[in-house]
Each structure stands twice: as C-alpha cells, then as structure tokens.
Amino acid sequence: MIVNEEFLKKLRSHFELNIYEVKVWTALLSRGVAAAGELADISGVPRSRSYDVLENLEKKGFIIMKLGKPIKYIAVKPEEILKRIRKKVQEDADRQLSMLEKVNDTDIYREIELLYKQGIDKVEPSELSGVLKGRKNIYDHIKTLIANAEKSVCIMTTEKGLVRKVDLLKSVIKKAKASGVKIKVVAPVKELSFIPKEVRDAVELRASDENTKARFILVDGKELLFMLADDQDVHEAYDMGIWVKTPYFTQALSQMFELGWKGLKRM
C-alpha cells in the first residue's frame, strides 16, 4: 500500500502516533479487517514489531481485536476515534487546570514566588531583556505586557500584524482599556471593517504609510518589544522578537512615536 508521506506526517501530528503505528493503522483502515501478518506486509512494518504496534493501537482505542482464530483486527470508525480523543483531551485539560488552581495556594508556589522576587530585585534593569522565538511565544509575551500595563500601550504593526492582533489580543486589550490603560495603534490600513466594534472602541487607531513595515510595542514608557524581520518574509515559526526593559530607550522611542502620531490620519 502506497500512502503519501505528507499524509502520514499529518496523521502522526494530529493523532499523536509514531510512524509504525500510523502505517499499520492506515493499512487496517484500507482493509477493514486483517491479520497482523497481512498488515505487516501491507504497511511495510517489520513483522517482529507489528504485534507490539497493534497492541498499542488497541490500547489507544484505534482498533479492536476480533474474537476467534486466527487473530484479526478491526478498524474503529474514525468518527468514533475523534470523539474519544476529544474526550481524553478535555479530561486531561480539566485535570491540569484543577491541579494548577490548587498549586496557587500551596507552600511550594509561595516559595517559588519568593525566590523570584528576591532574585529579580538583584537584577539590573539593563539585564532584563530576552529573545522570543516563534510568533506564538511573541504573542504570549505581548499579552503579558498588555495585561500588566498601567498607563499606556503604543503599538506599531503591519496590516497583517493588525489582523493577527485583533484576533489574538482582543480580550486582553478590552481588559486593559477597562483598567484605564490608553492604547494607541498605528498600522498601514485603509478601512476598519475587519475590526470588531469592541476593539475599535478600546483603542485609538491611526493609519500610517502603506510601506510601513515596523513592528514594535511600547508599554508604560518602560518596556519595549520589537520584531527583527518583515512579517511577509518570515515564517511564523521563525519570527523573532527582542524584549527589553529599559525606561531610557523606551521613553525616547515613545517621544518619537508621539511626534509621528500627531501627523497621522485618524481612522
């Protein structure tokens, strides 16, 4: 049986199976019912490994062992497998959340909080900087910056960047606005129909030149996060940002931002 390698790779990722498991599983799906030897021949998995693989698939609920001799296996309907996986993911998530909620009130948590506070007090402000790799990590940090903002957040981004931020940051932006934080956004956009009203009400938005490619965020005149590449030229997995906690440099950039802000078109 010839199965596209890209298809197998996607199945491995979606269903958390190893390469032998996904090969045997797809072989069984194509047959409906089959014996271990037949599946080994179809899938190309060594016969010495096929029984272990089938046992693992059975434990995971992907297949059922048929009664009788010779021993054969039946493929479980994919729809049923998805239901089981959803249930397991939900149960695992609920268990993790429950554990994390309990950790907050433990002596262990209080000790690590104390360790952090004692350690961070000894760090020079100039040393509070870091590299963020991957767009997911960048946006997680942006959420933290906005959530902890006390007075102001200034954002300059691209059109695509604004679309992403509206989708990923709308909740934290609304909370920041409710806390009295003033949020200004500059982006090369011509219309705002893609931005929900609650987000438009929470920020002041002005349009920059269409060639603007800068991407950065300034928070309270103290912290700065800026990206190192054009988001049109870099894959999200390789996007990179630099975070710096430096009032002197951030305030200087904030002053430049405000000077440019005055000359931009209100949206």
Protein backbone atom coordinates (compact mmCIF):
# COMPACT_ATOMS: atom_id res chain seq x y z
CA MET A 1 0.00 0.00 0.00
CA ILE A 2 1.45 3.35 -1.05
CA VAL A 3 0.46 6.23 1.19
CA ASN A 4 1.66 9.80 0.71
CA GLU A 5 4.41 10.63 3.23
CA GLU A 6 2.96 14.09 3.86
CA PHE A 7 -0.40 12.48 4.68
CA LEU A 8 1.28 10.12 7.17
CA LYS A 9 3.13 13.04 8.75
CA LYS A 10 -0.15 14.94 9.27
CA LEU A 11 -1.81 11.88 10.79
CA ARG A 12 1.11 11.43 13.19
CA SER A 13 0.81 15.04 14.29
CA HIS A 14 -2.99 15.09 14.65
CA PHE A 15 -3.35 11.74 16.40
CA GLU A 16 -0.02 11.58 18.28
CA LEU A 17 1.08 8.26 16.76
CA ASN A 18 4.57 7.07 15.86
CA ILE A 19 5.47 6.17 12.28
CA TYR A 20 4.87 2.42 12.71
CA GLU A 21 1.51 3.00 14.38
CA VAL A 22 0.27 5.33 11.67
CA LYS A 23 1.38 2.94 8.91
CA VAL A 24 -0.34 -0.07 10.46
CA TRP A 25 -3.46 1.97 11.27
CA THR A 26 -3.85 3.29 7.71
CA ALA A 27 -3.24 -0.24 6.39
CA LEU A 28 -6.06 -1.57 8.58
CA LEU A 29 -8.34 1.32 7.60
CA SER A 30 -7.85 0.34 3.97
CA ARG A 31 -8.76 -3.31 4.69
CA GLY A 32 -11.38 -3.03 7.45
CA VAL A 33 -10.38 -6.38 8.96
CA ALA A 34 -6.95 -8.01 8.72
CA ALA A 35 -4.42 -10.23 10.48
CA ALA A 36 -1.11 -8.99 11.89
CA GLY A 37 0.98 -10.62 9.17
CA GLU A 38 -1.15 -9.15 6.40
CA LEU A 39 -0.92 -5.68 7.97
CA ALA A 40 2.86 -6.00 8.29
CA ASP A 41 3.09 -6.84 4.57
CA ILE A 42 0.79 -4.00 3.52
CA SER A 43 2.33 -1.35 5.76
CA GLY A 44 5.96 -2.30 5.42
CA VAL A 45 6.34 -2.51 9.21
CA PRO A 46 8.61 -5.41 10.31
CA ARG A 47 6.59 -8.42 11.44
CA SER A 48 8.61 -8.56 14.67
CA ARG A 49 7.23 -5.12 15.55
CA SER A 50 3.70 -5.43 14.19
CA TYR A 51 2.26 -7.18 17.28
CA ASP A 52 3.58 -4.51 19.65
CA VAL A 53 2.25 -1.80 17.36
CA LEU A 54 -1.18 -3.43 17.16
CA GLU A 55 -1.28 -3.79 20.94
CA ASN A 56 -0.53 -0.07 21.32
CA LEU A 57 -3.22 0.87 18.81
CA GLU A 58 -5.68 -1.34 20.66
CA LYS A 59 -4.86 0.36 23.99
CA LYS A 60 -5.34 3.77 22.38
CA GLY A 61 -8.75 2.75 21.05
CA PHE A 62 -7.92 2.88 17.34
CA ILE A 63 -8.55 -0.82 16.67
CA ILE A 64 -10.37 -3.81 18.17
CA MET A 65 -9.08 -7.40 18.31
CA LYS A 66 -11.56 -9.75 16.65
CA LEU A 67 -12.68 -12.87 18.52
CA GLY A 68 -11.66 -16.22 17.10
CA LYS A 69 -8.71 -17.78 15.34
CA PRO A 70 -6.62 -16.67 13.55
CA ILE A 71 -6.40 -13.39 15.43
CA LYS A 72 -7.55 -10.47 13.31
CA TYR A 73 -8.11 -6.79 13.96
CA ILE A 74 -10.99 -4.47 13.12
CA ALA A 75 -10.59 -0.77 12.38
CA VAL A 76 -12.60 1.57 14.60
CA LYS A 77 -14.64 4.19 12.75
CA PRO A 78 -12.59 7.46 12.51
CA GLU A 79 -15.55 9.47 13.79
CA GLU A 80 -15.57 7.40 16.98
CA ILE A 81 -11.80 7.83 17.39
CA LEU A 82 -12.19 11.62 17.19
CA LYS A 83 -14.87 11.52 19.88
CA ARG A 84 -12.60 9.50 22.17
CA ILE A 85 -9.62 11.79 21.57
CA ARG A 86 -11.71 14.91 22.24
CA LYS A 87 -12.94 13.38 25.48
CA LYS A 88 -9.41 12.41 26.57
CA VAL A 89 -8.01 15.89 25.71
CA GLN A 90 -10.84 17.54 27.65
CA GLU A 91 -10.31 15.27 30.67
CA ASP A 92 -6.55 15.89 30.63
CA ALA A 93 -7.08 19.65 30.33
CA ASP A 94 -9.60 19.68 33.19
CA ARG A 95 -7.20 17.67 35.36
CA GLN A 96 -4.30 20.02 34.59
CA LEU A 97 -6.41 23.13 35.30
CA SER A 98 -7.62 21.66 38.57
CA MET A 99 -4.04 20.91 39.60
CA LEU A 100 -2.84 24.42 38.67
CA GLU A 101 -5.65 26.05 40.63
CA LYS A 102 -4.64 24.07 43.71
CA VAL A 103 -0.92 24.86 43.27
CA ASN A 104 -1.64 28.58 43.73
CA ASP A 105 -2.46 28.01 47.41
CA THR A 106 0.47 25.74 48.25
CA ASP A 107 3.68 26.42 50.17
CA ILE A 108 5.66 25.36 47.09
CA TYR A 109 4.10 28.14 45.00
CA ARG A 110 4.72 30.73 47.71
CA GLU A 111 8.36 29.63 47.92
CA ILE A 112 8.98 29.94 44.17
CA GLU A 113 7.26 33.36 44.19
CA LEU A 114 9.58 34.45 46.99
CA LEU A 115 12.61 33.09 45.14
CA TYR A 116 11.61 35.03 42.02
CA LYS A 117 11.04 38.31 43.89
CA GLN A 118 14.32 38.03 45.78
CA GLY A 119 16.16 37.18 42.58
CA ILE A 120 14.58 39.85 40.38
CA ASP A 121 15.36 42.58 42.92
CA LYS A 122 19.06 41.85 42.43
CA VAL A 123 18.91 42.14 38.64
CA GLU A 124 19.99 45.36 36.97
CA PRO A 125 17.25 46.84 34.73
CA SER A 126 19.64 46.67 31.78
CA GLU A 127 19.82 42.89 32.22
CA LEU A 128 16.06 42.45 31.92
CA SER A 129 15.99 41.56 28.24
CA GLY A 130 15.40 38.48 26.18
CA VAL A 131 14.91 36.90 22.75
CA LEU A 132 11.48 35.49 21.85
CA LYS A 133 11.49 32.83 19.14
CA GLY A 134 8.35 31.91 17.23
CA ARG A 135 5.23 34.02 16.78
CA LYS A 136 3.26 32.10 19.41
CA ASN A 137 5.84 32.96 22.09
CA ILE A 138 5.93 36.56 20.88
CA TYR A 139 2.17 36.96 21.19
CA ASP A 140 2.10 35.24 24.56
CA HIS A 141 4.60 37.86 25.77
CA ILE A 142 2.63 40.70 24.19
CA LYS A 143 -0.45 39.51 26.08
CA THR A 144 1.54 39.60 29.31
CA LEU A 145 2.88 43.10 28.58
CA ILE A 146 -0.59 44.49 27.85
CA ALA A 147 -2.15 42.70 30.82
CA ASN A 148 0.46 44.25 33.14
CA ALA A 149 0.31 47.73 31.59
CA GLU A 150 -0.68 50.53 33.97
CA LYS A 151 -0.85 53.66 31.81
CA SER A 152 -0.12 53.27 28.12
CA VAL A 153 0.46 50.85 25.27
CA CYS A 154 1.74 52.04 21.89
CA ILE A 155 1.72 49.55 19.01
CA MET A 156 3.10 49.89 15.51
CA THR A 157 2.42 46.99 13.19
CA THR A 158 1.74 45.90 9.61
CA GLU A 159 -1.68 45.29 8.10
CA LYS A 160 -1.30 41.53 8.54
CA GLY A 161 0.00 42.11 12.03
CA LEU A 162 -3.08 44.14 12.91
CA VAL A 163 -5.35 41.34 11.68
CA ARG A 164 -3.48 38.87 13.92
CA LYS A 165 -3.58 41.19 16.92
CA VAL A 166 -7.31 41.81 16.59
CA ASP A 167 -7.85 38.06 16.67
CA LEU A 168 -5.35 37.12 19.39
CA LEU A 169 -5.30 40.17 21.67
CA LYS A 170 -8.88 41.49 21.69
CA SER A 171 -9.68 40.05 25.11
CA VAL A 172 -6.59 41.46 26.86
CA ILE A 173 -6.98 44.80 25.03
CA LYS A 174 -10.55 45.20 26.29
CA LYS A 175 -9.46 44.40 29.86
CA ALA A 176 -6.60 46.90 29.66
CA LYS A 177 -8.96 49.60 28.38
CA ALA A 178 -11.36 48.86 31.25
CA SER A 179 -8.44 49.36 33.65
CA GLY A 180 -7.77 52.82 32.28
CA VAL A 181 -4.84 51.97 30.00
CA LYS A 182 -4.57 54.20 26.93
CA ILE A 183 -3.89 52.11 23.82
CA LYS A 184 -2.65 53.62 20.56
CA VAL A 185 -2.18 51.60 17.38
CA VAL A 186 -0.51 52.62 14.11
CA ALA A 187 -0.85 50.42 11.02
CA PRO A 188 -0.98 50.85 7.21
CA VAL A 189 -4.74 50.25 6.86
CA LYS A 190 -7.38 51.96 4.73
CA GLU A 191 -10.56 50.63 6.36
CA LEU A 192 -11.60 49.05 9.65
CA SER A 193 -14.45 46.72 8.73
CA PHE A 194 -12.42 43.68 9.85
CA ILE A 195 -12.01 45.08 13.37
CA PRO A 196 -14.84 44.30 15.84
CA LYS A 197 -16.55 47.36 17.34
CA GLU A 198 -15.47 46.47 20.89
CA VAL A 199 -11.82 46.56 19.78
CA ARG A 200 -12.26 49.84 17.85
CA ASP A 201 -13.81 51.34 20.99
CA ALA A 202 -10.86 50.16 23.11
CA VAL A 203 -8.04 51.64 21.03
CA GLU A 204 -7.07 54.80 19.18
CA LEU A 205 -6.10 53.82 15.66
CA ARG A 206 -4.28 55.88 13.06
CA ALA A 207 -3.17 54.98 9.53
CA SER A 208 0.48 55.05 8.53
CA ASP A 209 2.06 55.00 5.08
CA GLU A 210 1.31 51.78 3.18
CA ASN A 211 5.03 50.96 3.06
CA THR A 212 5.34 50.89 6.85
CA LYS A 213 6.87 47.61 7.98
CA ALA A 214 7.94 48.39 11.55
CA ARG A 215 6.62 46.09 14.28
CA PHE A 216 7.03 47.05 17.92
CA ILE A 217 5.15 47.69 21.16
CA LEU A 218 5.96 50.20 23.92
CA VAL A 219 4.48 49.77 27.39
CA ASP A 220 4.30 52.47 30.10
CA GLY A 221 7.47 54.10 28.77
CA LYS A 222 9.40 51.26 30.43
CA GLU A 223 9.31 48.15 28.26
CA LEU A 224 9.89 47.59 24.56
CA LEU A 225 9.30 44.58 22.31
CA PHE A 226 10.36 44.83 18.67
CA MET A 227 10.46 42.30 15.85
CA LEU A 228 13.55 41.65 13.76
CA ALA A 229 12.04 40.73 10.38
CA ASP A 230 9.35 41.73 7.91
CA ASP A 231 6.36 39.50 8.65
CA GLN A 232 5.85 38.99 4.90
CA ASP A 233 9.29 37.41 4.56
CA VAL A 234 9.45 35.19 7.64
CA HIS A 235 7.52 32.04 8.60
CA GLU A 236 5.70 32.37 11.90
CA ALA A 237 7.83 29.60 13.41
CA TYR A 238 10.99 31.63 12.71
CA ASP A 239 9.67 35.06 13.64
CA MET A 240 11.83 36.63 16.35
CA GLY A 241 11.37 39.46 18.81
CA ILE A 242 13.62 41.27 21.29
CA TRP A 243 12.16 42.31 24.65
CA VAL A 244 13.97 44.96 26.69
CA LYS A 245 13.03 46.62 29.98
CA THR A 246 14.79 49.96 29.63
CA PRO A 247 12.93 53.18 30.58
CA TYR A 248 15.55 55.44 28.97
CA PHE A 249 15.38 53.89 25.50
CA THR A 250 11.64 53.17 25.65
CA GLN A 251 10.81 56.75 26.62
CA ALA A 252 12.94 58.04 23.75
CA LEU A 253 11.03 55.83 21.29
CA SER A 254 7.73 56.84 22.90
CA GLN A 255 8.52 60.51 22.23
CA MET A 256 9.29 59.69 18.57
CA PHE A 257 6.06 57.66 18.37
CA GLU A 258 4.03 60.60 19.73
CA LEU A 259 5.62 63.03 17.27
CA GLY A 260 4.69 60.76 14.37
CA TRP A 261 1.25 60.11 15.85
CA LYS A 262 0.23 63.77 15.59
CA GLY A 263 0.72 63.80 11.83
CA LEU A 264 -1.17 60.58 11.07
CA LYS A 265 -4.73 60.23 9.81
CA ARG A 266 -7.31 59.27 12.43
CA MET A 267 -9.30 56.15 11.49
